[in-house]
Amino acid sequence: MEISDDKKIQLLYRVEPGCLGPTGAQTIARFCDYANQQLVAPYFALYHFTPRFDKSKAEREYSINARLLSDQHAQAYLAHFKTNKDQFEEQLDELLTQAIEHFLER
């Protein structure tokens, strides 16, 4: 099934520099570029990883066609694709952990 990008749920994921260890602040931007290239979203979603330097901003932010979604709307959209939001995020966290391990091994 194909969905145009403007109809896909977009997850902006702000990644903490500390997850890369003591030198994370110096490498987080390169890691986010790496993650944006390596991690493939489900057909109904898009991922975008960016450094999280401002703790006042949410770690995860959902939108469709540049319109922010409430948590309830994000859950409803994902439910339409028989996906639970918690499971969606857990799977992504696992992929992100694997990407961090591969990135640090390079």
PDB file of N, CA and C in Angstrom:
ATOM      1  N   MET A   1       0.849  -1.185   0.000  1.00  0.00           N
ATOM      2  CA  MET A   1       0.000   0.000   0.000  1.00  0.00           C
ATOM      3  C   MET A   1       0.891   1.243   0.000  1.00  0.00           C
ATOM      4  N   GLU A   2       0.553   2.187  -0.843  1.00  0.00           N
ATOM      5  CA  GLU A   2       1.341   3.426  -0.918  1.00  0.00           C
ATOM      6  C   GLU A   2       0.551   4.591  -0.334  1.00  0.00           C
ATOM      7  N   ILE A   3       1.261   5.427   0.366  1.00  0.00           N
ATOM      8  CA  ILE A   3       0.681   6.637   0.947  1.00  0.00           C
ATOM      9  C   ILE A   3       1.619   7.778   0.603  1.00  0.00           C
ATOM     10  N   SER A   4       1.060   8.886   0.147  1.00  0.00           N
ATOM     11  CA  SER A   4       1.914  10.036  -0.164  1.00  0.00           C
ATOM     12  C   SER A   4       2.491  10.598   1.135  1.00  0.00           C
ATOM     13  N   ASP A   5       3.664  11.200   1.033  1.00  0.00           N
ATOM     14  CA  ASP A   5       4.354  11.714   2.219  1.00  0.00           C
ATOM     15  C   ASP A   5       3.511  12.705   3.013  1.00  0.00           C
ATOM     16  N   ASP A   6       2.662  13.482   2.338  1.00  0.00           N
ATOM     17  CA  ASP A   6       1.861  14.475   3.062  1.00  0.00           C
ATOM     18  C   ASP A   6       0.738  13.838   3.889  1.00  0.00           C
ATOM     19  N   LYS A   7       0.516  12.551   3.721  1.00  0.00           N
ATOM     20  CA  LYS A   7      -0.508  11.843   4.497  1.00  0.00           C
ATOM     21  C   LYS A   7       0.116  10.919   5.556  1.00  0.00           C
ATOM     22  N   LYS A   8       1.429  10.792   5.536  1.00  0.00           N
ATOM     23  CA  LYS A   8       2.117   9.934   6.502  1.00  0.00           C
ATOM     24  C   LYS A   8       2.293  10.656   7.834  1.00  0.00           C
ATOM     25  N   ILE A   9       2.282   9.878   8.900  1.00  0.00           N
ATOM     26  CA  ILE A   9       2.586  10.454  10.207  1.00  0.00           C
ATOM     27  C   ILE A   9       4.101  10.654  10.273  1.00  0.00           C
ATOM     28  N   GLN A  10       4.499  11.824  10.690  1.00  0.00           N
ATOM     29  CA  GLN A  10       5.922  12.150  10.770  1.00  0.00           C
ATOM     30  C   GLN A  10       6.318  12.240  12.241  1.00  0.00           C
ATOM     31  N   LEU A  11       7.376  11.539  12.562  1.00  0.00           N
ATOM     32  CA  LEU A  11       7.880  11.569  13.929  1.00  0.00           C
ATOM     33  C   LEU A  11       9.202  12.312  13.952  1.00  0.00           C
ATOM     34  N   LEU A  12       9.195  13.457  14.602  1.00  0.00           N
ATOM     35  CA  LEU A  12      10.433  14.193  14.863  1.00  0.00           C
ATOM     36  C   LEU A  12      10.950  13.664  16.194  1.00  0.00           C
ATOM     37  N   TYR A  13      12.108  13.060  16.158  1.00  0.00           N
ATOM     38  CA  TYR A  13      12.691  12.435  17.347  1.00  0.00           C
ATOM     39  C   TYR A  13      13.943  13.217  17.706  1.00  0.00           C
ATOM     40  N   ARG A  14      13.901  13.867  18.857  1.00  0.00           N
ATOM     41  CA  ARG A  14      15.056  14.621  19.332  1.00  0.00           C
ATOM     42  C   ARG A  14      15.911  13.685  20.186  1.00  0.00           C
ATOM     43  N   VAL A  15      17.123  13.437  19.725  1.00  0.00           N
ATOM     44  CA  VAL A  15      18.011  12.455  20.354  1.00  0.00           C
ATOM     45  C   VAL A  15      18.951  13.159  21.331  1.00  0.00           C
ATOM     46  N   GLU A  16      19.002  12.631  22.548  1.00  0.00           N
ATOM     47  CA  GLU A  16      19.872  13.183  23.591  1.00  0.00           C
ATOM     48  C   GLU A  16      21.342  12.905  23.260  1.00  0.00           C
ATOM     49  N   PRO A  17      22.209  13.911  23.306  1.00  0.00           N
ATOM     50  CA  PRO A  17      23.634  13.676  23.062  1.00  0.00           C
ATOM     51  C   PRO A  17      24.239  12.649  24.018  1.00  0.00           C
ATOM     52  N   GLY A  18      23.759  12.595  25.249  1.00  0.00           N
ATOM     53  CA  GLY A  18      24.298  11.679  26.247  1.00  0.00           C
ATOM     54  C   GLY A  18      24.180  10.211  25.880  1.00  0.00           C
ATOM     55  N   CYS A  19      23.255   9.876  24.966  1.00  0.00           N
ATOM     56  CA  CYS A  19      23.098   8.464  24.591  1.00  0.00           C
ATOM     57  C   CYS A  19      24.303   7.964  23.802  1.00  0.00           C
ATOM     58  N   LEU A  20      25.163   8.889  23.364  1.00  0.00           N
ATOM     59  CA  LEU A  20      26.372   8.511  22.625  1.00  0.00           C
ATOM     60  C   LEU A  20      27.615   8.506  23.512  1.00  0.00           C
ATOM     61  N   GLY A  21      27.413   8.655  24.803  1.00  0.00           N
ATOM     62  CA  GLY A  21      28.543   8.628  25.724  1.00  0.00           C
ATOM     63  C   GLY A  21      29.105  10.009  25.992  1.00  0.00           C
ATOM     64  N   PRO A  22      30.302  10.068  26.582  1.00  0.00           N
ATOM     65  CA  PRO A  22      30.876  11.340  27.013  1.00  0.00           C
ATOM     66  C   PRO A  22      31.181  12.315  25.877  1.00  0.00           C
ATOM     67  N   THR A  23      31.368  11.826  24.665  1.00  0.00           N
ATOM     68  CA  THR A  23      31.642  12.727  23.533  1.00  0.00           C
ATOM     69  C   THR A  23      30.392  12.964  22.686  1.00  0.00           C
ATOM     70  N   GLY A  24      29.240  12.629  23.233  1.00  0.00           N
ATOM     71  CA  GLY A  24      27.992  12.734  22.486  1.00  0.00           C
ATOM     72  C   GLY A  24      27.698  14.114  21.933  1.00  0.00           C
ATOM     73  N   ALA A  25      28.030  15.149  22.683  1.00  0.00           N
ATOM     74  CA  ALA A  25      27.751  16.514  22.215  1.00  0.00           C
ATOM     75  C   ALA A  25      28.498  16.831  20.921  1.00  0.00           C
ATOM     76  N   GLN A  26      29.666  16.225  20.747  1.00  0.00           N
ATOM     77  CA  GLN A  26      30.455  16.477  19.532  1.00  0.00           C
ATOM     78  C   GLN A  26      30.012  15.598  18.359  1.00  0.00           C
ATOM     79  N   THR A  27      29.337  14.483  18.631  1.00  0.00           N
ATOM     80  CA  THR A  27      29.005  13.542  17.553  1.00  0.00           C
ATOM     81  C   THR A  27      27.515  13.394  17.278  1.00  0.00           C
ATOM     82  N   ILE A  28      26.670  14.045  18.066  1.00  0.00           N
ATOM     83  CA  ILE A  28      25.227  13.827  17.931  1.00  0.00           C
ATOM     84  C   ILE A  28      24.694  14.244  16.558  1.00  0.00           C
ATOM     85  N   ALA A  29      25.187  15.325  15.995  1.00  0.00           N
ATOM     86  CA  ALA A  29      24.690  15.761  14.676  1.00  0.00           C
ATOM     87  C   ALA A  29      25.030  14.718  13.610  1.00  0.00           C
ATOM     88  N   ARG A  30      26.250  14.176  13.658  1.00  0.00           N
ATOM     89  CA  ARG A  30      26.632  13.130  12.696  1.00  0.00           C
ATOM     90  C   ARG A  30      25.802  11.872  12.909  1.00  0.00           C
ATOM     91  N   PHE A  31      25.530  11.558  14.171  1.00  0.00           N
ATOM     92  CA  PHE A  31      24.700  10.383  14.429  1.00  0.00           C
ATOM     93  C   PHE A  31      23.294  10.579  13.864  1.00  0.00           C
ATOM     94  N   CYS A  32      22.717  11.750  14.060  1.00  0.00           N
ATOM     95  CA  CYS A  32      21.365  11.997  13.539  1.00  0.00           C
ATOM     96  C   CYS A  32      21.340  11.871  12.016  1.00  0.00           C
ATOM     97  N   ASP A  33      22.361  12.384  11.339  1.00  0.00           N
ATOM     98  CA  ASP A  33      22.463  12.204   9.882  1.00  0.00           C
ATOM     99  C   ASP A  33      22.509  10.717   9.543  1.00  0.00           C
ATOM    100  N   TYR A  34      23.311   9.975  10.282  1.00  0.00           N
ATOM    101  CA  TYR A  34      23.438   8.532  10.083  1.00  0.00           C
ATOM    102  C   TYR A  34      22.082   7.843  10.289  1.00  0.00           C
ATOM    103  N   ALA A  35      21.408   8.162  11.390  1.00  0.00           N
ATOM    104  CA  ALA A  35      20.111   7.544  11.694  1.00  0.00           C
ATOM    105  C   ALA A  35      19.074   7.889  10.630  1.00  0.00           C
ATOM    106  N   ASN A  36      19.085   9.130  10.144  1.00  0.00           N
ATOM    107  CA  ASN A  36      18.135   9.527   9.100  1.00  0.00           C
ATOM    108  C   ASN A  36      18.339   8.722   7.821  1.00  0.00           C
ATOM    109  N   GLN A  37      19.561   8.307   7.565  1.00  0.00           N
ATOM    110  CA  GLN A  37      19.850   7.507   6.372  1.00  0.00           C
ATOM    111  C   GLN A  37      19.603   6.021   6.600  1.00  0.00           C
ATOM    112  N   GLN A  38      19.840   5.530   7.802  1.00  0.00           N
ATOM    113  CA  GLN A  38      19.830   4.088   8.061  1.00  0.00           C
ATOM    114  C   GLN A  38      18.492   3.525   8.534  1.00  0.00           C
ATOM    115  N   LEU A  39      17.735   4.290   9.295  1.00  0.00           N
ATOM    116  CA  LEU A  39      16.503   3.757   9.875  1.00  0.00           C
ATOM    117  C   LEU A  39      15.328   3.980   8.929  1.00  0.00           C
ATOM    118  N   VAL A  40      14.665   2.897   8.602  1.00  0.00           N
ATOM    119  CA  VAL A  40      13.555   2.938   7.651  1.00  0.00           C
ATOM    120  C   VAL A  40      12.241   2.839   8.423  1.00  0.00           C
ATOM    121  N   ALA A  41      11.372   3.793   8.183  1.00  0.00           N
ATOM    122  CA  ALA A  41      10.073   3.833   8.850  1.00  0.00           C
ATOM    123  C   ALA A  41       9.088   2.895   8.154  1.00  0.00           C
ATOM    124  N   PRO A  42       8.024   2.498   8.854  1.00  0.00           N
ATOM    125  CA  PRO A  42       6.961   1.740   8.197  1.00  0.00           C
ATOM    126  C   PRO A  42       6.358   2.563   7.048  1.00  0.00           C
ATOM    127  N   TYR A  43       5.639   1.913   6.167  1.00  0.00           N
ATOM    128  CA  TYR A  43       5.126   2.580   4.961  1.00  0.00           C
ATOM    129  C   TYR A  43       4.216   3.769   5.255  1.00  0.00           C
ATOM    130  N   PHE A  44       3.646   3.839   6.440  1.00  0.00           N
ATOM    131  CA  PHE A  44       2.704   4.908   6.778  1.00  0.00           C
ATOM    132  C   PHE A  44       3.353   6.026   7.590  1.00  0.00           C
ATOM    133  N   ALA A  45       4.674   5.977   7.759  1.00  0.00           N
ATOM    134  CA  ALA A  45       5.351   6.929   8.646  1.00  0.00           C
ATOM    135  C   ALA A  45       6.653   7.442   8.038  1.00  0.00           C
ATOM    136  N   LEU A  46       7.122   8.545   8.597  1.00  0.00           N
ATOM    137  CA  LEU A  46       8.431   9.112   8.271  1.00  0.00           C
ATOM    138  C   LEU A  46       9.119   9.431   9.592  1.00  0.00           C
ATOM    139  N   TYR A  47      10.413   9.167   9.663  1.00  0.00           N
ATOM    140  CA  TYR A  47      11.208   9.519  10.837  1.00  0.00           C
ATOM    141  C   TYR A  47      12.139  10.664  10.476  1.00  0.00           C
ATOM    142  N   HIS A  48      12.350  11.543  11.442  1.00  0.00           N
ATOM    143  CA  HIS A  48      13.411  12.544  11.310  1.00  0.00           C
ATOM    144  C   HIS A  48      14.083  12.679  12.676  1.00  0.00           C
ATOM    145  N   PHE A  49      15.382  12.444  12.689  1.00  0.00           N
ATOM    146  CA  PHE A  49      16.159  12.513  13.925  1.00  0.00           C
ATOM    147  C   PHE A  49      16.963  13.801  13.946  1.00  0.00           C
ATOM    148  N   THR A  50      16.957  14.455  15.092  1.00  0.00           N
ATOM    149  CA  THR A  50      17.682  15.707  15.269  1.00  0.00           C
ATOM    150  C   THR A  50      18.232  15.744  16.697  1.00  0.00           C
ATOM    151  N   PRO A  51      19.333  16.461  16.925  1.00  0.00           N
ATOM    152  CA  PRO A  51      19.876  16.547  18.287  1.00  0.00           C
ATOM    153  C   PRO A  51      18.903  17.250  19.235  1.00  0.00           C
ATOM    154  N   ARG A  52      18.894  16.823  20.472  1.00  0.00           N
ATOM    155  CA  ARG A  52      18.058  17.456  21.494  1.00  0.00           C
ATOM    156  C   ARG A  52      18.964  18.219  22.454  1.00  0.00           C
ATOM    157  N   PHE A  53      19.167  19.477  22.133  1.00  0.00           N
ATOM    158  CA  PHE A  53      19.967  20.334  23.003  1.00  0.00           C
ATOM    159  C   PHE A  53      19.083  21.138  23.955  1.00  0.00           C
ATOM    160  N   ASP A  54      17.825  21.315  23.591  1.00  0.00           N
ATOM    161  CA  ASP A  54      16.878  22.092  24.389  1.00  0.00           C
ATOM    162  C   ASP A  54      15.922  21.128  25.091  1.00  0.00           C
ATOM    163  N   LYS A  55      16.125  20.934  26.374  1.00  0.00           N
ATOM    164  CA  LYS A  55      15.317  19.975  27.133  1.00  0.00           C
ATOM    165  C   LYS A  55      13.872  20.432  27.310  1.00  0.00           C
ATOM    166  N   SER A  56      13.582  21.694  26.994  1.00  0.00           N
ATOM    167  CA  SER A  56      12.201  22.153  27.117  1.00  0.00           C
ATOM    168  C   SER A  56      11.340  21.644  25.959  1.00  0.00           C
ATOM    169  N   LYS A  57      11.980  21.156  24.897  1.00  0.00           N
ATOM    170  CA  LYS A  57      11.238  20.608  23.759  1.00  0.00           C
ATOM    171  C   LYS A  57      11.025  19.116  23.970  1.00  0.00           C
ATOM    172  N   ALA A  58       9.887  18.641  23.522  1.00  0.00           N
ATOM    173  CA  ALA A  58       9.546  17.224  23.676  1.00  0.00           C
ATOM    174  C   ALA A  58      10.541  16.344  22.931  1.00  0.00           C
ATOM    175  N   GLU A  59      10.760  15.154  23.469  1.00  0.00           N
ATOM    176  CA  GLU A  59      11.663  14.203  22.810  1.00  0.00           C
ATOM    177  C   GLU A  59      11.058  13.717  21.492  1.00  0.00           C
ATOM    178  N   ARG A  60       9.752  13.484  21.491  1.00  0.00           N
ATOM    179  CA  ARG A  60       9.056  13.010  20.289  1.00  0.00           C
ATOM    180  C   ARG A  60       7.933  13.979  19.951  1.00  0.00           C
ATOM    181  N   GLU A  61       7.788  14.241  18.666  1.00  0.00           N
ATOM    182  CA  GLU A  61       6.744  15.156  18.201  1.00  0.00           C
ATOM    183  C   GLU A  61       6.140  14.573  16.926  1.00  0.00           C
ATOM    184  N   TYR A  62       4.840  14.358  16.944  1.00  0.00           N
ATOM    185  CA  TYR A  62       4.142  13.773  15.794  1.00  0.00           C
ATOM    186  C   TYR A  62       3.431  14.864  15.003  1.00  0.00           C
ATOM    187  N   SER A  63       3.450  14.695  13.683  1.00  0.00           N
ATOM    188  CA  SER A  63       2.740  15.636  12.818  1.00  0.00           C
ATOM    189  C   SER A  63       2.311  14.918  11.542  1.00  0.00           C
ATOM    190  N   ILE A  64       1.395  15.549  10.835  1.00  0.00           N
ATOM    191  CA  ILE A  64       1.015  15.126   9.487  1.00  0.00           C
ATOM    192  C   ILE A  64       0.980  16.389   8.650  1.00  0.00           C
ATOM    193  N   ASN A  65       1.729  16.385   7.562  1.00  0.00           N
ATOM    194  CA  ASN A  65       1.787  17.528   6.654  1.00  0.00           C
ATOM    195  C   ASN A  65       2.067  18.830   7.418  1.00  0.00           C
ATOM    196  N   ALA A  66       3.050  18.788   8.301  1.00  0.00           N
ATOM    197  CA  ALA A  66       3.528  19.934   9.091  1.00  0.00           C
ATOM    198  C   ALA A  66       2.533  20.409  10.154  1.00  0.00           C
ATOM    199  N   ARG A  67       1.467  19.657  10.392  1.00  0.00           N
ATOM    200  CA  ARG A  67       0.518  20.007  11.456  1.00  0.00           C
ATOM    201  C   ARG A  67       0.773  19.104  12.650  1.00  0.00           C
ATOM    202  N   LEU A  68       1.056  19.727  13.782  1.00  0.00           N
ATOM    203  CA  LEU A  68       1.328  18.955  14.997  1.00  0.00           C
ATOM    204  C   LEU A  68       0.097  18.165  15.419  1.00  0.00           C
ATOM    205  N   LEU A  69       0.341  16.959  15.907  1.00  0.00           N
ATOM    206  CA  LEU A  69      -0.739  16.108  16.392  1.00  0.00           C
ATOM    207  C   LEU A  69      -0.671  16.000  17.909  1.00  0.00           C
ATOM    208  N   SER A  70      -1.835  15.988  18.522  1.00  0.00           N
ATOM    209  CA  SER A  70      -1.886  15.691  19.950  1.00  0.00           C
ATOM    210  C   SER A  70      -1.568  14.214  20.127  1.00  0.00           C
ATOM    211  N   ASP A  71      -1.289  13.826  21.336  1.00  0.00           N
ATOM    212  CA  ASP A  71      -1.013  12.425  21.630  1.00  0.00           C
ATOM    213  C   ASP A  71      -2.204  11.557  21.220  1.00  0.00           C
ATOM    214  N   GLN A  72      -3.391  12.042  21.506  1.00  0.00           N
ATOM    215  CA  GLN A  72      -4.617  11.311  21.175  1.00  0.00           C
ATOM    216  C   GLN A  72      -4.760  11.126  19.664  1.00  0.00           C
ATOM    217  N   HIS A  73      -4.482  12.174  18.883  1.00  0.00           N
ATOM    218  CA  HIS A  73      -4.583  12.071  17.426  1.00  0.00           C
ATOM    219  C   HIS A  73      -3.504  11.150  16.852  1.00  0.00           C
ATOM    220  N   ALA A  74      -2.304  11.193  17.417  1.00  0.00           N
ATOM    221  CA  ALA A  74      -1.239  10.291  16.965  1.00  0.00           C
ATOM    222  C   ALA A  74      -1.640   8.842  17.232  1.00  0.00           C
ATOM    223  N   GLN A  75      -2.213   8.587  18.396  1.00  0.00           N
ATOM    224  CA  GLN A  75      -2.670   7.233  18.720  1.00  0.00           C
ATOM    225  C   GLN A  75      -3.757   6.776  17.756  1.00  0.00           C
ATOM    226  N   ALA A  76      -4.690   7.668  17.440  1.00  0.00           N
ATOM    227  CA  ALA A  76      -5.783   7.318  16.522  1.00  0.00           C
ATOM    228  C   ALA A  76      -5.246   7.019  15.127  1.00  0.00           C
ATOM    229  N   TYR A  77      -4.301   7.820  14.655  1.00  0.00           N
ATOM    230  CA  TYR A  77      -3.721   7.591  13.329  1.00  0.00           C
ATOM    231  C   TYR A  77      -3.031   6.230  13.297  1.00  0.00           C
ATOM    232  N   LEU A  78      -2.210   5.951  14.284  1.00  0.00           N
ATOM    233  CA  LEU A  78      -1.492   4.680  14.327  1.00  0.00           C
ATOM    234  C   LEU A  78      -2.456   3.504  14.469  1.00  0.00           C
ATOM    235  N   ALA A  79      -3.538   3.680  15.219  1.00  0.00           N
ATOM    236  CA  ALA A  79      -4.533   2.613  15.375  1.00  0.00           C
ATOM    237  C   ALA A  79      -5.176   2.271  14.035  1.00  0.00           C
ATOM    238  N   HIS A  80      -5.322   3.269  13.166  1.00  0.00           N
ATOM    239  CA  HIS A  80      -5.874   3.032  11.825  1.00  0.00           C
ATOM    240  C   HIS A  80      -5.029   2.002  11.073  1.00  0.00           C
ATOM    241  N   PHE A  81      -3.740   1.962  11.362  1.00  0.00           N
ATOM    242  CA  PHE A  81      -2.827   1.006  10.734  1.00  0.00           C
ATOM    243  C   PHE A  81      -2.544  -0.183  11.658  1.00  0.00           C
ATOM    244  N   LYS A  82      -3.458  -0.396  12.606  1.00  0.00           N
ATOM    245  CA  LYS A  82      -3.354  -1.512  13.550  1.00  0.00           C
ATOM    246  C   LYS A  82      -2.009  -1.511  14.285  1.00  0.00           C
ATOM    247  N   THR A  83      -1.607  -0.316  14.654  1.00  0.00           N
ATOM    248  CA  THR A  83      -0.351  -0.136  15.376  1.00  0.00           C
ATOM    249  C   THR A  83      -0.628   0.602  16.675  1.00  0.00           C
ATOM    250  N   ASN A  84      -0.106   0.078  17.752  1.00  0.00           N
ATOM    251  CA  ASN A  84      -0.224   0.701  19.058  1.00  0.00           C
ATOM    252  C   ASN A  84       0.922   1.701  19.210  1.00  0.00           C
ATOM    253  N   LYS A  85       0.628   2.901  19.697  1.00  0.00           N
ATOM    254  CA  LYS A  85       1.650   3.946  19.807  1.00  0.00           C
ATOM    255  C   LYS A  85       2.812   3.517  20.702  1.00  0.00           C
ATOM    256  N   ASP A  86       2.514   2.876  21.816  1.00  0.00           N
ATOM    257  CA  ASP A  86       3.588   2.429  22.709  1.00  0.00           C
ATOM    258  C   ASP A  86       4.490   1.412  22.019  1.00  0.00           C
ATOM    259  N   GLN A  87       3.892   0.472  21.302  1.00  0.00           N
ATOM    260  CA  GLN A  87       4.685  -0.525  20.578  1.00  0.00           C
ATOM    261  C   GLN A  87       5.483   0.121  19.454  1.00  0.00           C
ATOM    262  N   PHE A  88       4.870   1.078  18.760  1.00  0.00           N
ATOM    263  CA  PHE A  88       5.540   1.817  17.685  1.00  0.00           C
ATOM    264  C   PHE A  88       6.802   2.488  18.228  1.00  0.00           C
ATOM    265  N   GLU A  89       6.668   3.145  19.380  1.00  0.00           N
ATOM    266  CA  GLU A  89       7.802   3.839  19.984  1.00  0.00           C
ATOM    267  C   GLU A  89       8.840   2.860  20.535  1.00  0.00           C
ATOM    268  N   GLU A  90       8.386   1.753  21.113  1.00  0.00           N
ATOM    269  CA  GLU A  90       9.329   0.749  21.626  1.00  0.00           C
ATOM    270  C   GLU A  90      10.160   0.148  20.500  1.00  0.00           C
ATOM    271  N   GLN A  91       9.508  -0.159  19.381  1.00  0.00           N
ATOM    272  CA  GLN A  91      10.231  -0.712  18.233  1.00  0.00           C
ATOM    273  C   GLN A  91      11.254   0.292  17.709  1.00  0.00           C
ATOM    274  N   LEU A  92      10.850   1.557  17.649  1.00  0.00           N
ATOM    275  CA  LEU A  92      11.776   2.583  17.186  1.00  0.00           C
ATOM    276  C   LEU A  92      12.941   2.738  18.158  1.00  0.00           C
ATOM    277  N   ASP A  93      12.658   2.701  19.444  1.00  0.00           N
ATOM    278  CA  ASP A  93      13.734   2.797  20.436  1.00  0.00           C
ATOM    279  C   ASP A  93      14.739   1.656  20.269  1.00  0.00           C
ATOM    280  N   GLU A  94      14.244   0.449  19.969  1.00  0.00           N
ATOM    281  CA  GLU A  94      15.141  -0.684  19.738  1.00  0.00           C
ATOM    282  C   GLU A  94      15.996  -0.453  18.492  1.00  0.00           C
ATOM    283  N   LEU A  95      15.366   0.033  17.418  1.00  0.00           N
ATOM    284  CA  LEU A  95      16.117   0.334  16.195  1.00  0.00           C
ATOM    285  C   LEU A  95      17.162   1.411  16.453  1.00  0.00           C
ATOM    286  N   LEU A  96      16.780   2.416  17.229  1.00  0.00           N
ATOM    287  CA  LEU A  96      17.699   3.508  17.541  1.00  0.00           C
ATOM    288  C   LEU A  96      18.877   3.002  18.377  1.00  0.00           C
ATOM    289  N   THR A  97      18.611   2.121  19.316  1.00  0.00           N
ATOM    290  CA  THR A  97      19.685   1.534  20.124  1.00  0.00           C
ATOM    291  C   THR A  97      20.662   0.766  19.241  1.00  0.00           C
ATOM    292  N   GLN A  98      20.136  -0.018  18.309  1.00  0.00           N
ATOM    293  CA  GLN A  98      20.998  -0.754  17.379  1.00  0.00           C
ATOM    294  C   GLN A  98      21.810   0.209  16.513  1.00  0.00           C
ATOM    295  N   ALA A  99      21.170   1.287  16.064  1.00  0.00           N
ATOM    296  CA  ALA A  99      21.872   2.276  15.239  1.00  0.00           C
ATOM    297  C   ALA A  99      22.993   2.940  16.035  1.00  0.00           C
ATOM    298  N   ILE A 100      22.744   3.228  17.304  1.00  0.00           N
ATOM    299  CA  ILE A 100      23.781   3.822  18.159  1.00  0.00           C
ATOM    300  C   ILE A 100      24.965   2.864  18.277  1.00  0.00           C
ATOM    301  N   GLU A 101      24.673   1.586  18.517  1.00  0.00           N
ATOM    302  CA  GLU A 101      25.753   0.596  18.640  1.00  0.00           C
ATOM    303  C   GLU A 101      26.571   0.512  17.355  1.00  0.00           C
ATOM    304  N   HIS A 102      25.895   0.461  16.209  1.00  0.00           N
ATOM    305  CA  HIS A 102      26.612   0.395  14.927  1.00  0.00           C
ATOM    306  C   HIS A 102      27.416   1.670  14.678  1.00  0.00           C
ATOM    307  N   PHE A 103      26.837   2.811  15.011  1.00  0.00           N
ATOM    308  CA  PHE A 103      27.514   4.092  14.811  1.00  0.00           C
ATOM    309  C   PHE A 103      28.788   4.167  15.649  1.00  0.00           C
ATOM    310  N   LEU A 104      28.703   3.729  16.888  1.00  0.00           N
ATOM    311  CA  LEU A 104      29.859   3.804  17.783  1.00  0.00           C
ATOM    312  C   LEU A 104      30.943   2.795  17.409  1.00  0.00           C
ATOM    313  N   GLU A 105      30.572   1.728  16.713  1.00  0.00           N
ATOM    314  CA  GLU A 105      31.554   0.724  16.284  1.00  0.00           C
ATOM    315  C   GLU A 105      32.334   1.174  15.059  1.00  0.00           C
ATOM    316  N   ARG A 106      31.844   2.184  14.347  1.00  0.00           N
ATOM    317  CA  ARG A 106      32.491   2.623  13.096  1.00  0.00           C
ATOM    318  C   ARG A 106      33.820   3.272  13.373  1.00  0.00           C
TER     319      ARG A 106
END
